[in-house]
C-alpha atoms as a PDB file:
ATOM      1  CA  UNK A   1     -30.002   1.229  -0.733  1.00  0.00           C
ATOM      2  CA  UNK A   2     -29.099  -2.369   0.076  1.00  0.00           C
ATOM      3  CA  UNK A   3     -25.359  -2.878  -0.006  1.00  0.00           C
ATOM      4  CA  UNK A   4     -23.429  -6.099  -0.387  1.00  0.00           C
ATOM      5  CA  UNK A   5     -19.700  -6.429   0.299  1.00  0.00           C
ATOM      6  CA  UNK A   6     -17.547  -8.890  -1.647  1.00  0.00           C
ATOM      7  CA  UNK A   7     -14.087  -9.710  -0.281  1.00  0.00           C
ATOM      8  CA  UNK A   8     -11.823 -12.223  -2.063  1.00  0.00           C
ATOM      9  CA  UNK A   9      -9.558 -13.895   0.481  1.00  0.00           C
ATOM     10  CA  UNK A  10      -6.359 -15.910   0.295  1.00  0.00           C
ATOM     11  CA  UNK A  11      -4.117 -16.125   3.371  1.00  0.00           C
ATOM     12  CA  UNK A  12      -5.253 -12.849   4.887  1.00  0.00           C
ATOM     13  CA  UNK A  13      -5.243 -13.875   8.564  1.00  0.00           C
ATOM     14  CA  UNK A  14      -3.204 -10.806   9.560  1.00  0.00           C
ATOM     15  CA  UNK A  15      -5.736  -8.341   8.163  1.00  0.00           C
ATOM     16  CA  UNK A  16      -9.164 -10.007   8.213  1.00  0.00           C
ATOM     17  CA  UNK A  17     -10.201  -9.088  11.787  1.00  0.00           C
ATOM     18  CA  UNK A  18      -9.459  -5.399  11.251  1.00  0.00           C
ATOM     19  CA  UNK A  19     -11.210  -5.407   7.870  1.00  0.00           C
ATOM     20  CA  UNK A  20     -14.358  -7.211   9.048  1.00  0.00           C
ATOM     21  CA  UNK A  21     -14.538  -5.065  12.189  1.00  0.00           C
ATOM     22  CA  UNK A  22     -14.284  -1.922  10.060  1.00  0.00           C
ATOM     23  CA  UNK A  23     -17.397  -3.084   8.169  1.00  0.00           C
ATOM     24  CA  UNK A  24     -19.317  -4.100  11.276  1.00  0.00           C
ATOM     25  CA  UNK A  25     -18.547  -0.750  12.921  1.00  0.00           C
ATOM     26  CA  UNK A  26     -19.886   1.377  10.084  1.00  0.00           C
ATOM     27  CA  UNK A  27     -21.978   4.375  11.179  1.00  0.00           C
ATOM     28  CA  UNK A  28     -25.007   3.240   9.165  1.00  0.00           C
ATOM     29  CA  UNK A  29     -24.555  -0.521   9.286  1.00  0.00           C
ATOM     30  CA  UNK A  30     -28.277  -0.985   8.554  1.00  0.00           C
ATOM     31  CA  UNK A  31     -27.753  -0.445   4.790  1.00  0.00           C
ATOM     32  CA  UNK A  32     -25.466  -3.485   4.634  1.00  0.00           C
ATOM     33  CA  UNK A  33     -27.378  -6.525   3.401  1.00  0.00           C
ATOM     34  CA  UNK A  34     -24.544  -9.010   2.805  1.00  0.00           C
ATOM     35  CA  UNK A  35     -20.868  -9.416   3.713  1.00  0.00           C
ATOM     36  CA  UNK A  36     -19.513 -12.173   1.511  1.00  0.00           C
ATOM     37  CA  UNK A  37     -15.985 -13.446   2.046  1.00  0.00           C
ATOM     38  CA  UNK A  38     -14.840 -15.762  -0.747  1.00  0.00           C
ATOM     39  CA  UNK A  39     -11.924 -17.932   0.318  1.00  0.00           C
ATOM     40  CA  UNK A  40      -9.585 -19.385  -2.282  1.00  0.00           C
ATOM     41  CA  UNK A  41      -8.334 -22.381  -0.285  1.00  0.00           C
ATOM     42  CA  UNK A  42      -6.319 -20.382   2.246  1.00  0.00           C
ATOM     43  CA  UNK A  43      -3.547 -22.329   3.951  1.00  0.00           C
ATOM     44  CA  UNK A  44      -3.435 -20.121   7.057  1.00  0.00           C
ATOM     45  CA  UNK A  45      -6.179 -19.379   9.608  1.00  0.00           C
ATOM     46  CA  UNK A  46      -8.245 -17.137   7.315  1.00  0.00           C
ATOM     47  CA  UNK A  47     -11.143 -19.577   7.045  1.00  0.00           C
ATOM     48  CA  UNK A  48     -11.241 -20.160  10.811  1.00  0.00           C
ATOM     49  CA  UNK A  49     -11.361 -16.405  11.409  1.00  0.00           C
ATOM     50  CA  UNK A  50     -14.205 -15.973   8.915  1.00  0.00           C
ATOM     51  CA  UNK A  51     -16.177 -18.840  10.446  1.00  0.00           C
ATOM     52  CA  UNK A  52     -15.902 -17.250  13.886  1.00  0.00           C
ATOM     53  CA  UNK A  53     -17.528 -14.096  12.506  1.00  0.00           C
ATOM     54  CA  UNK A  54     -20.171 -16.079  10.606  1.00  0.00           C
ATOM     55  CA  UNK A  55     -21.353 -17.608  13.912  1.00  0.00           C
ATOM     56  CA  UNK A  56     -21.989 -14.177  15.420  1.00  0.00           C
ATOM     57  CA  UNK A  57     -23.509 -12.273  12.498  1.00  0.00           C
ATOM     58  CA  UNK A  58     -26.111 -13.566  10.039  1.00  0.00           C
ATOM     59  CA  UNK A  59     -25.078 -11.060   7.366  1.00  0.00           C
ATOM     60  CA  UNK A  60     -21.611 -12.553   7.076  1.00  0.00           C
ATOM     61  CA  UNK A  61     -21.240 -15.493   4.674  1.00  0.00           C
ATOM     62  CA  UNK A  62     -18.292 -17.689   3.740  1.00  0.00           C
ATOM     63  CA  UNK A  63     -18.186 -18.854   0.126  1.00  0.00           C
ATOM     64  CA  UNK A  64     -15.418 -21.152  -1.080  1.00  0.00           C
ATOM     65  CA  UNK A  65     -13.578 -20.887  -4.375  1.00  0.00           C
ATOM     66  CA  UNK A  66     -11.452 -24.019  -4.878  1.00  0.00           C
ATOM     67  CA  UNK A  67     -10.086 -22.665  -8.176  1.00  0.00           C
ATOM     68  CA  UNK A  68      -8.302 -19.815  -6.324  1.00  0.00           C
ATOM     69  CA  UNK A  69      -8.710 -17.366  -9.229  1.00  0.00           C
ATOM     70  CA  UNK A  70      -9.570 -13.798  -8.196  1.00  0.00           C
ATOM     71  CA  UNK A  71     -12.219 -12.949 -10.821  1.00  0.00           C
ATOM     72  CA  UNK A  72     -14.020 -16.216  -9.996  1.00  0.00           C
ATOM     73  CA  UNK A  73     -14.092 -15.176  -6.330  1.00  0.00           C
ATOM     74  CA  UNK A  74     -15.419 -11.739  -7.276  1.00  0.00           C
ATOM     75  CA  UNK A  75     -18.152 -13.251  -9.433  1.00  0.00           C
ATOM     76  CA  UNK A  76     -19.190 -15.811  -6.801  1.00  0.00           C
ATOM     77  CA  UNK A  77     -19.514 -13.031  -4.252  1.00  0.00           C
ATOM     78  CA  UNK A  78     -21.348 -10.637  -6.562  1.00  0.00           C
ATOM     79  CA  UNK A  79     -23.861 -13.282  -7.627  1.00  0.00           C
ATOM     80  CA  UNK A  80     -24.529 -14.202  -4.011  1.00  0.00           C
ATOM     81  CA  UNK A  81     -25.170 -10.559  -3.097  1.00  0.00           C
ATOM     82  CA  UNK A  82     -27.469  -9.953  -6.069  1.00  0.00           C
ATOM     83  CA  UNK A  83     -29.407 -13.160  -5.366  1.00  0.00           C
ATOM     84  CA  UNK A  84     -29.849 -12.193  -1.719  1.00  0.00           C
ATOM     85  CA  UNK A  85     -31.230  -8.697  -1.851  1.00  0.00           C
ATOM     86  CA  UNK A  86     -28.302  -6.355  -2.576  1.00  0.00           C
ATOM     87  CA  UNK A  87     -28.814  -3.699  -5.262  1.00  0.00           C
ATOM     88  CA  UNK A  88     -25.257  -2.340  -5.026  1.00  0.00           C
ATOM     89  CA  UNK A  89     -22.161  -4.537  -4.720  1.00  0.00           C
ATOM     90  CA  UNK A  90     -19.005  -3.143  -3.108  1.00  0.00           C
ATOM     91  CA  UNK A  91     -15.727  -4.914  -3.896  1.00  0.00           C
ATOM     92  CA  UNK A  92     -12.904  -4.588  -1.386  1.00  0.00           C
ATOM     93  CA  UNK A  93      -9.515  -6.276  -0.998  1.00  0.00           C
ATOM     94  CA  UNK A  94      -8.679  -8.748   1.740  1.00  0.00           C
ATOM     95  CA  UNK A  95      -5.727  -6.683   3.008  1.00  0.00           C
ATOM     96  CA  UNK A  96      -7.587  -3.437   3.505  1.00  0.00           C
ATOM     97  CA  UNK A  97     -10.102  -1.739   5.790  1.00  0.00           C
ATOM     98  CA  UNK A  98     -12.795   0.947   5.575  1.00  0.00           C
ATOM     99  CA  UNK A  99     -12.994   4.405   7.057  1.00  0.00           C
ATOM    100  CA  UNK A 100     -15.673   4.604   9.758  1.00  0.00           C
ATOM    101  CA  UNK A 101     -18.110   6.594   7.592  1.00  0.00           C
ATOM    102  CA  UNK A 102     -17.421   4.658   4.363  1.00  0.00           C
ATOM    103  CA  UNK A 103     -20.990   3.429   3.810  1.00  0.00           C
ATOM    104  CA  UNK A 104     -22.465   6.782   4.837  1.00  0.00           C
ATOM    105  CA  UNK A 105     -20.372   8.596   2.238  1.00  0.00           C
ATOM    106  CA  UNK A 106     -21.275   5.955  -0.344  1.00  0.00           C
ATOM    107  CA  UNK A 107     -24.982   6.484   0.409  1.00  0.00           C
ATOM    108  CA  UNK A 108     -24.492  10.239   0.036  1.00  0.00           C
ATOM    109  CA  UNK A 109     -22.750   9.773  -3.309  1.00  0.00           C
ATOM    110  CA  UNK A 110     -25.482   7.446  -4.619  1.00  0.00           C
ATOM    111  CA  UNK A 111     -28.114  10.001  -3.653  1.00  0.00           C
ATOM    112  CA  UNK A 112     -26.274  13.070  -4.948  1.00  0.00           C
ATOM    113  CA  UNK A 113     -25.041  11.488  -8.203  1.00  0.00           C
ATOM    114  CA  UNK A 114     -27.964   9.374  -9.498  1.00  0.00           C
ATOM    115  CA  UNK A 115     -26.455   9.102 -12.999  1.00  0.00           C
ATOM    116  CA  UNK A 116     -23.286   7.411 -11.715  1.00  0.00           C
ATOM    117  CA  UNK A 117     -23.287   3.592 -11.835  1.00  0.00           C
ATOM    118  CA  UNK A 118     -19.839   2.734 -10.445  1.00  0.00           C
ATOM    119  CA  UNK A 119     -18.506   4.501  -7.333  1.00  0.00           C
ATOM    120  CA  UNK A 120     -14.765   4.179  -6.707  1.00  0.00           C
ATOM    121  CA  UNK A 121     -13.238   4.908  -3.313  1.00  0.00           C
ATOM    122  CA  UNK A 122     -10.112   6.917  -2.596  1.00  0.00           C
ATOM    123  CA  UNK A 123      -7.207   4.858  -1.220  1.00  0.00           C
ATOM    124  CA  UNK A 124      -5.007   5.596   1.764  1.00  0.00           C
ATOM    125  CA  UNK A 125      -1.953   3.456   2.481  1.00  0.00           C
ATOM    126  CA  UNK A 126      -1.591   1.781   5.860  1.00  0.00           C
ATOM    127  CA  UNK A 127       1.213   3.317   7.902  1.00  0.00           C
ATOM    128  CA  UNK A 128       4.454   1.609   6.830  1.00  0.00           C
ATOM    129  CA  UNK A 129       5.998  -0.404   9.678  1.00  0.00           C
ATOM    130  CA  UNK A 130       9.385  -1.153   8.085  1.00  0.00           C
ATOM    131  CA  UNK A 131      11.663   0.650   5.620  1.00  0.00           C
ATOM    132  CA  UNK A 132      11.067  -1.890   2.865  1.00  0.00           C
ATOM    133  CA  UNK A 133       7.328  -1.274   3.054  1.00  0.00           C
ATOM    134  CA  UNK A 134       7.926   2.484   2.952  1.00  0.00           C
ATOM    135  CA  UNK A 135      10.122   2.022  -0.128  1.00  0.00           C
ATOM    136  CA  UNK A 136       7.382   0.026  -1.854  1.00  0.00           C
ATOM    137  CA  UNK A 137       4.855   2.755  -1.015  1.00  0.00           C
ATOM    138  CA  UNK A 138       7.136   5.404  -2.534  1.00  0.00           C
ATOM    139  CA  UNK A 139       7.484   3.211  -5.618  1.00  0.00           C
ATOM    140  CA  UNK A 140       3.686   2.929  -5.842  1.00  0.00           C
ATOM    141  CA  UNK A 141       3.414   6.709  -5.533  1.00  0.00           C
ATOM    142  CA  UNK A 142       6.039   7.591  -8.159  1.00  0.00           C
ATOM    143  CA  UNK A 143       5.347   8.186 -11.850  1.00  0.00           C
ATOM    144  CA  UNK A 144       8.203   5.748 -12.608  1.00  0.00           C
ATOM    145  CA  UNK A 145       6.700   3.175 -10.269  1.00  0.00           C
ATOM    146  CA  UNK A 146       3.029   2.208 -10.200  1.00  0.00           C
ATOM    147  CA  UNK A 147       1.928   5.861 -10.489  1.00  0.00           C
ATOM    148  CA  UNK A 148      -0.789   5.611  -7.825  1.00  0.00           C
ATOM    149  CA  UNK A 149      -0.279   9.261  -6.878  1.00  0.00           C
ATOM    150  CA  UNK A 150      -3.378  10.374  -8.754  1.00  0.00           C
ATOM    151  CA  UNK A 151      -5.735   8.321  -6.598  1.00  0.00           C
ATOM    152  CA  UNK A 152      -4.009   8.085  -3.227  1.00  0.00           C
ATOM    153  CA  UNK A 153      -6.076  10.139  -0.780  1.00  0.00           C
ATOM    154  CA  UNK A 154      -7.581  12.283  -3.561  1.00  0.00           C
ATOM    155  CA  UNK A 155      -8.807  15.741  -2.587  1.00  0.00           C
ATOM    156  CA  UNK A 156     -11.717  16.024  -5.036  1.00  0.00           C
ATOM    157  CA  UNK A 157     -14.055  13.822  -7.018  1.00  0.00           C
ATOM    158  CA  UNK A 158     -12.607  12.491 -10.264  1.00  0.00           C
ATOM    159  CA  UNK A 159     -14.182  11.217 -13.467  1.00  0.00           C
ATOM    160  CA  UNK A 160     -13.453   7.565 -14.158  1.00  0.00           C
ATOM    161  CA  UNK A 161     -12.238   4.714 -11.960  1.00  0.00           C
ATOM    162  CA  UNK A 162      -8.894   4.640 -10.178  1.00  0.00           C
ATOM    163  CA  UNK A 163      -8.890   1.351  -8.256  1.00  0.00           C
ATOM    164  CA  UNK A 164     -10.765  -1.942  -8.130  1.00  0.00           C
ATOM    165  CA  UNK A 165     -12.325  -0.925  -4.806  1.00  0.00           C
ATOM    166  CA  UNK A 166     -15.600   0.169  -6.340  1.00  0.00           C
ATOM    167  CA  UNK A 167     -19.329  -0.181  -5.741  1.00  0.00           C
ATOM    168  CA  UNK A 168     -21.416  -1.326  -8.713  1.00  0.00           C
ATOM    169  CA  UNK A 169     -25.141  -0.898  -9.271  1.00  0.00           C
ATOM    170  CA  UNK A 170     -27.138  -4.025 -10.108  1.00  0.00           C
ATOM    171  CA  UNK A 171     -28.072  -2.768 -13.578  1.00  0.00           C
ATOM    172  CA  UNK A 172     -24.408  -2.780 -14.656  1.00  0.00           C
ATOM    173  CA  UNK A 173     -24.138  -6.547 -14.149  1.00  0.00           C
ATOM    174  CA  UNK A 174     -27.395  -7.039 -16.058  1.00  0.00           C
ATOM    175  CA  UNK A 175     -25.970  -5.122 -19.016  1.00  0.00           C
ATOM    176  CA  UNK A 176     -22.300  -6.189 -19.242  1.00  0.00           C
ATOM    177  CA  UNK A 177     -22.155  -9.371 -17.181  1.00  0.00           C
ATOM    178  CA  UNK A 178     -19.512 -10.103 -14.570  1.00  0.00           C
ATOM    179  CA  UNK A 179     -15.725 -10.200 -14.359  1.00  0.00           C
ATOM    180  CA  UNK A 180     -13.772 -11.920 -17.104  1.00  0.00           C
ATOM    181  CA  UNK A 181     -12.613 -15.120 -15.400  1.00  0.00           C
ATOM    182  CA  UNK A 182      -9.825 -15.644 -17.932  1.00  0.00           C
ATOM    183  CA  UNK A 183      -7.946 -12.594 -16.641  1.00  0.00           C
ATOM    184  CA  UNK A 184      -5.602 -13.355 -13.755  1.00  0.00           C
ATOM    185  CA  UNK A 185      -4.701  -9.673 -13.402  1.00  0.00           C
ATOM    186  CA  UNK A 186      -6.444  -6.329 -13.944  1.00  0.00           C
ATOM    187  CA  UNK A 187      -9.899  -7.880 -14.188  1.00  0.00           C
ATOM    188  CA  UNK A 188     -11.164  -4.718 -12.466  1.00  0.00           C
ATOM    189  CA  UNK A 189      -9.748  -2.545 -15.262  1.00  0.00           C
ATOM    190  CA  UNK A 190     -11.425  -4.725 -17.883  1.00  0.00           C
ATOM    191  CA  UNK A 191     -14.758  -4.622 -16.016  1.00  0.00           C
ATOM    192  CA  UNK A 192     -14.762  -0.842 -15.580  1.00  0.00           C
ATOM    193  CA  UNK A 193     -13.785  -0.218 -19.205  1.00  0.00           C
ATOM    194  CA  UNK A 194     -16.568  -2.494 -20.465  1.00  0.00           C
ATOM    195  CA  UNK A 195     -19.012  -0.567 -18.297  1.00  0.00           C
ATOM    196  CA  UNK A 196     -17.788   2.767 -19.628  1.00  0.00           C
ATOM    197  CA  UNK A 197     -17.969   1.503 -23.215  1.00  0.00           C
ATOM    198  CA  UNK A 198     -21.637   0.662 -22.569  1.00  0.00           C
ATOM    199  CA  UNK A 199     -22.262   4.235 -21.460  1.00  0.00           C
ATOM    200  CA  UNK A 200     -22.243   3.766 -17.679  1.00  0.00           C
ATOM    201  CA  UNK A 201     -20.751   6.658 -15.718  1.00  0.00           C
ATOM    202  CA  UNK A 202     -17.849   5.863 -13.407  1.00  0.00           C
ATOM    203  CA  UNK A 203     -16.480   8.259 -10.782  1.00  0.00           C
ATOM    204  CA  UNK A 204     -13.991   8.307  -7.926  1.00  0.00           C
ATOM    205  CA  UNK A 205     -15.164  10.000  -4.708  1.00  0.00           C
ATOM    206  CA  UNK A 206     -12.685  11.600  -2.335  1.00  0.00           C
ATOM    207  CA  UNK A 207     -14.917  11.250   0.737  1.00  0.00           C
ATOM    208  CA  UNK A 208     -15.353   7.475   0.299  1.00  0.00           C
ATOM    209  CA  UNK A 209     -12.089   6.310   1.827  1.00  0.00           C
ATOM    210  CA  UNK A 210     -10.572   2.870   2.215  1.00  0.00           C
ATOM    211  CA  UNK A 211      -7.166   1.850   3.546  1.00  0.00           C
ATOM    212  CA  UNK A 212      -4.867  -0.425   1.568  1.00  0.00           C
ATOM    213  CA  UNK A 213      -1.983  -2.578   2.768  1.00  0.00           C
ATOM    214  CA  UNK A 214       0.914  -2.479   0.294  1.00  0.00           C
ATOM    215  CA  UNK A 215       3.354  -5.427   0.019  1.00  0.00           C
ATOM    216  CA  UNK A 216       6.063  -5.386   2.684  1.00  0.00           C
ATOM    217  CA  UNK A 217       8.503  -7.666   0.845  1.00  0.00           C
ATOM    218  CA  UNK A 218      10.299  -6.888  -2.415  1.00  0.00           C
ATOM    219  CA  UNK A 219       9.736 -10.369  -3.832  1.00  0.00           C
ATOM    220  CA  UNK A 220       5.971  -9.755  -3.609  1.00  0.00           C
ATOM    221  CA  UNK A 221       6.365  -6.498  -5.523  1.00  0.00           C
ATOM    222  CA  UNK A 222       8.444  -8.186  -8.233  1.00  0.00           C
ATOM    223  CA  UNK A 223       5.873 -10.968  -8.559  1.00  0.00           C
ATOM    224  CA  UNK A 224       3.138  -8.337  -8.835  1.00  0.00           C
ATOM    225  CA  UNK A 225       5.022  -6.404 -11.534  1.00  0.00           C
ATOM    226  CA  UNK A 226       5.786  -9.572 -13.499  1.00  0.00           C
ATOM    227  CA  UNK A 227       2.140 -10.675 -13.521  1.00  0.00           C
ATOM    228  CA  UNK A 228       0.990  -7.177 -14.468  1.00  0.00           C
ATOM    229  CA  UNK A 229       3.480  -7.200 -17.346  1.00  0.00           C
ATOM    230  CA  UNK A 230       2.034 -10.496 -18.567  1.00  0.00           C
ATOM    231  CA  UNK A 231      -1.442  -8.957 -18.593  1.00  0.00           C
ATOM    232  CA  UNK A 232      -0.289  -6.370 -21.178  1.00  0.00           C
ATOM    233  CA  UNK A 233      -0.017  -9.209 -23.698  1.00  0.00           C
ATOM    234  CA  UNK A 234      -3.177 -11.003 -22.542  1.00  0.00           C
ATOM    235  CA  UNK A 235      -5.444  -8.011 -23.037  1.00  0.00           C
ATOM    236  CA  UNK A 236      -3.528  -5.205 -24.843  1.00  0.00           C
ATOM    237  CA  UNK A 237      -6.723  -3.280 -25.690  1.00  0.00           C
ATOM    238  CA  UNK A 238      -7.108  -2.237 -22.038  1.00  0.00           C
ATOM    239  CA  UNK A 239      -3.599  -0.752 -21.903  1.00  0.00           C
ATOM    240  CA  UNK A 240      -2.218   2.512 -23.202  1.00  0.00           C
ATOM    241  CA  UNK A 241       1.184   3.014 -24.836  1.00  0.00           C
ATOM    242  CA  UNK A 242       2.752   3.893 -21.458  1.00  0.00           C
ATOM    243  CA  UNK A 243       2.047   0.355 -20.218  1.00  0.00           C
ATOM    244  CA  UNK A 244       4.061  -1.073 -23.118  1.00  0.00           C
ATOM    245  CA  UNK A 245       7.051   1.275 -22.765  1.00  0.00           C
ATOM    246  CA  UNK A 246       9.116  -1.033 -20.476  1.00  0.00           C
ATOM    247  CA  UNK A 247       8.953  -3.870 -23.006  1.00  0.00           C
ATOM    248  CA  UNK A 248       9.634  -1.485 -25.904  1.00  0.00           C
ATOM    249  CA  UNK A 249      12.631   0.082 -24.139  1.00  0.00           C
ATOM    250  CA  UNK A 250      14.285  -3.151 -23.027  1.00  0.00           C
ATOM    251  CA  UNK A 251      13.525  -4.723 -26.393  1.00  0.00           C
ATOM    252  CA  UNK A 252      15.315  -1.758 -28.006  1.00  0.00           C
ATOM    253  CA  UNK A 253      18.280  -2.206 -25.633  1.00  0.00           C
ATOM    254  CA  UNK A 254      18.570  -5.912 -26.444  1.00  0.00           C
ATOM    255  CA  UNK A 255      18.438  -5.155 -30.172  1.00  0.00           C
ATOM    256  CA  UNK A 256      21.224  -2.576 -29.871  1.00  0.00           C
ATOM    257  CA  UNK A 257      23.380  -5.076 -27.993  1.00  0.00           C
ATOM    258  CA  UNK A 258      22.712  -7.723 -30.637  1.00  0.00           C
ATOM    259  CA  UNK A 259      23.406  -5.307 -33.532  1.00  0.00           C
ATOM    260  CA  UNK A 260      26.608  -4.064 -31.909  1.00  0.00           C
ATOM    261  CA  UNK A 261      27.913  -7.625 -31.550  1.00  0.00           C
ATOM    262  CA  UNK A 262      26.703  -8.732 -34.981  1.00  0.00           C
ATOM    263  CA  UNK A 263      28.115  -5.730 -36.884  1.00  0.00           C
ATOM    264  CA  UNK A 264      31.414  -6.103 -35.069  1.00  0.00           C
ATOM    265  CA  UNK A 265      31.574  -9.810 -35.994  1.00  0.00           C
ATOM    266  CA  UNK A 266      30.771  -9.037 -39.647  1.00  0.00           C
ATOM    267  CA  UNK A 267      33.400  -6.317 -39.818  1.00  0.00           C
ATOM    268  CA  UNK A 268      31.011  -3.342 -40.151  1.00  0.00           C
ATOM    269  CA  UNK A 269      32.980  -1.146 -37.780  1.00  0.00           C
ATOM    270  CA  UNK A 270      30.980   2.059 -38.279  1.00  0.00           C
ATOM    271  CA  UNK A 271      27.611   0.382 -37.690  1.00  0.00           C
ATOM    272  CA  UNK A 272      28.974  -1.507 -34.666  1.00  0.00           C
ATOM    273  CA  UNK A 273      30.290   1.727 -33.158  1.00  0.00           C
ATOM    274  CA  UNK A 274      27.058   3.600 -33.912  1.00  0.00           C
ATOM    275  CA  UNK A 275      24.999   0.847 -32.270  1.00  0.00           C
ATOM    276  CA  UNK A 276      27.262   0.872 -29.222  1.00  0.00           C
ATOM    277  CA  UNK A 277      27.109   4.653 -28.753  1.00  0.00           C
ATOM    278  CA  UNK A 278      23.343   4.658 -29.229  1.00  0.00           C
ATOM    279  CA  UNK A 279      23.146   1.942 -26.557  1.00  0.00           C
ATOM    280  CA  UNK A 280      25.268   4.002 -24.154  1.00  0.00           C
ATOM    281  CA  UNK A 281      23.204   7.146 -24.752  1.00  0.00           C
ATOM    282  CA  UNK A 282      19.930   5.253 -24.155  1.00  0.00           C
ATOM    283  CA  UNK A 283      21.191   3.677 -20.924  1.00  0.00           C
ATOM    284  CA  UNK A 284      22.630   6.950 -19.601  1.00  0.00           C
ATOM    285  CA  UNK A 285      19.406   8.824 -20.360  1.00  0.00           C
ATOM    286  CA  UNK A 286      17.276   6.133 -18.747  1.00  0.00           C
ATOM    287  CA  UNK A 287      19.501   5.878 -15.678  1.00  0.00           C
ATOM    288  CA  UNK A 288      19.563   9.666 -15.293  1.00  0.00           C
ATOM    289  CA  UNK A 289      15.766   9.810 -15.349  1.00  0.00           C
ATOM    290  CA  UNK A 290      15.488   7.082 -12.700  1.00  0.00           C
ATOM    291  CA  UNK A 291      18.137   8.749 -10.530  1.00  0.00           C
ATOM    292  CA  UNK A 292      16.511  12.189 -10.703  1.00  0.00           C
ATOM    293  CA  UNK A 293      13.137  10.719  -9.716  1.00  0.00           C
ATOM    294  CA  UNK A 294      14.833   8.941  -6.811  1.00  0.00           C
ATOM    295  CA  UNK A 295      16.550  12.177  -5.798  1.00  0.00           C
ATOM    296  CA  UNK A 296      13.185  13.939  -5.674  1.00  0.00           C
ATOM    297  CA  UNK A 297      11.894  11.393  -3.169  1.00  0.00           C
ATOM    298  CA  UNK A 298      15.184  11.550  -1.240  1.00  0.00           C
ATOM    299  CA  UNK A 299      14.626  15.248  -0.519  1.00  0.00           C
ATOM    300  CA  UNK A 300      11.021  14.535   0.566  1.00  0.00           C
ATOM    301  CA  UNK A 301      11.426  11.242   2.415  1.00  0.00           C
ATOM    302  CA  UNK A 302      15.076  10.828   3.347  1.00  0.00           C
ATOM    303  CA  UNK A 303      17.557   8.074   2.541  1.00  0.00           C
ATOM    304  CA  UNK A 304      14.818   5.548   1.612  1.00  0.00           C
ATOM    305  CA  UNK A 305      14.133   7.583  -1.524  1.00  0.00           C
ATOM    306  CA  UNK A 306      17.589   6.833  -2.933  1.00  0.00           C
ATOM    307  CA  UNK A 307      16.838   3.111  -2.962  1.00  0.00           C
ATOM    308  CA  UNK A 308      14.146   3.834  -5.543  1.00  0.00           C
ATOM    309  CA  UNK A 309      16.879   4.100  -8.187  1.00  0.00           C
ATOM    310  CA  UNK A 310      17.750   0.369  -8.302  1.00  0.00           C
ATOM    311  CA  UNK A 311      14.127  -0.532  -7.574  1.00  0.00           C
ATOM    312  CA  UNK A 312      12.883   1.386 -10.635  1.00  0.00           C
ATOM    313  CA  UNK A 313      15.338  -0.428 -12.909  1.00  0.00           C
ATOM    314  CA  UNK A 314      14.630  -3.893 -11.490  1.00  0.00           C
ATOM    315  CA  UNK A 315      10.826  -3.512 -11.525  1.00  0.00           C
ATOM    316  CA  UNK A 316      10.848  -2.048 -15.044  1.00  0.00           C
ATOM    317  CA  UNK A 317      12.847  -5.045 -16.237  1.00  0.00           C
ATOM    318  CA  UNK A 318      10.586  -7.480 -14.346  1.00  0.00           C
ATOM    319  CA  UNK A 319       7.498  -5.840 -15.875  1.00  0.00           C
ATOM    320  CA  UNK A 320       9.050  -6.000 -19.364  1.00  0.00           C
ATOM    321  CA  UNK A 321      10.028  -9.633 -18.833  1.00  0.00           C
ATOM    322  CA  UNK A 322       6.419 -10.436 -17.982  1.00  0.00           C
ATOM    323  CA  UNK A 323       5.283  -8.780 -21.219  1.00  0.00           C
ATOM    324  CA  UNK A 324       7.878 -10.684 -23.282  1.00  0.00           C
ATOM    325  CA  UNK A 325       6.881 -14.007 -21.719  1.00  0.00           C
ATOM    326  CA  UNK A 326       3.194 -13.211 -22.215  1.00  0.00           C
ATOM    327  CA  UNK A 327       3.597 -12.486 -25.914  1.00  0.00           C
ATOM    328  CA  UNK A 328       5.846 -15.540 -26.355  1.00  0.00           C
ATOM    329  CA  UNK A 329       3.178 -17.816 -24.882  1.00  0.00           C
ATOM    330  CA  UNK A 330       0.495 -16.073 -26.911  1.00  0.00           C
ATOM    331  CA  UNK A 331       2.351 -16.524 -30.200  1.00  0.00           C
ATOM    332  CA  UNK A 332       3.829 -19.959 -29.653  1.00  0.00           C
END
């Protein structure tokens, strides 16, 4: 097996040394053919850090992506690896690192599961350093947040993909092509689904572990949720009904508010009252669900869990807003 790593980079100076070192210190480093870091015009010291590693290791390459679009970076890196001897391409995020036996476990999986074409790693969060980061991790874990629970430090192999940190055999690219460069978000979901639709087997392996750095600032989480909401409208075929629920719910709430005001203005007292009570019932039910989920995390994780209540509501609205804006731009 000849393995190529592809790492899209934009302002990752805080995490790059630890990530690159985790690759260089792999138990069976000999299987690694290429380490391609694709920089999207970083404004910090990311490029300088990469260049310092390039000087000391011939397997490390810096590729530049002036367009600063993630799927373009992924494709540039994948094509470089495939053109320079790699038969499996491993994609990894810039704010992450590998477990020490990552490549060994990947080699074992490739050997033991010859029918599998895409090998997804299990994620482990970096230790949270501040309470805000811990709150964001709890949000990512919760079913009312990003619902990452099912693939955070999984205990057994799972069918299907769970994250974009996956290794792809060369034949998959030959059959389905590369990442869709029109997708600013969830290009990994689109890629994996296209592979599955072509009959390629995708699995997540619990022994292949990588560490992921979650956002440490709430504004970054809100930006992430907004952009993910937009993607629902850009490529709805890759999303299930649950991904559209925030927009459906808040759309329903806005309609009830509008109907309540309109019926009251027109003198339809019964319909105005019915709309108002239905609005109250919907909001109470929704708020109760968010509060109970927060309470569950309060008992497990202390006072930080209670702050999930307002975070659920604000991120749901932000996600829905992204979906509304996406459909508006798509239609008009």
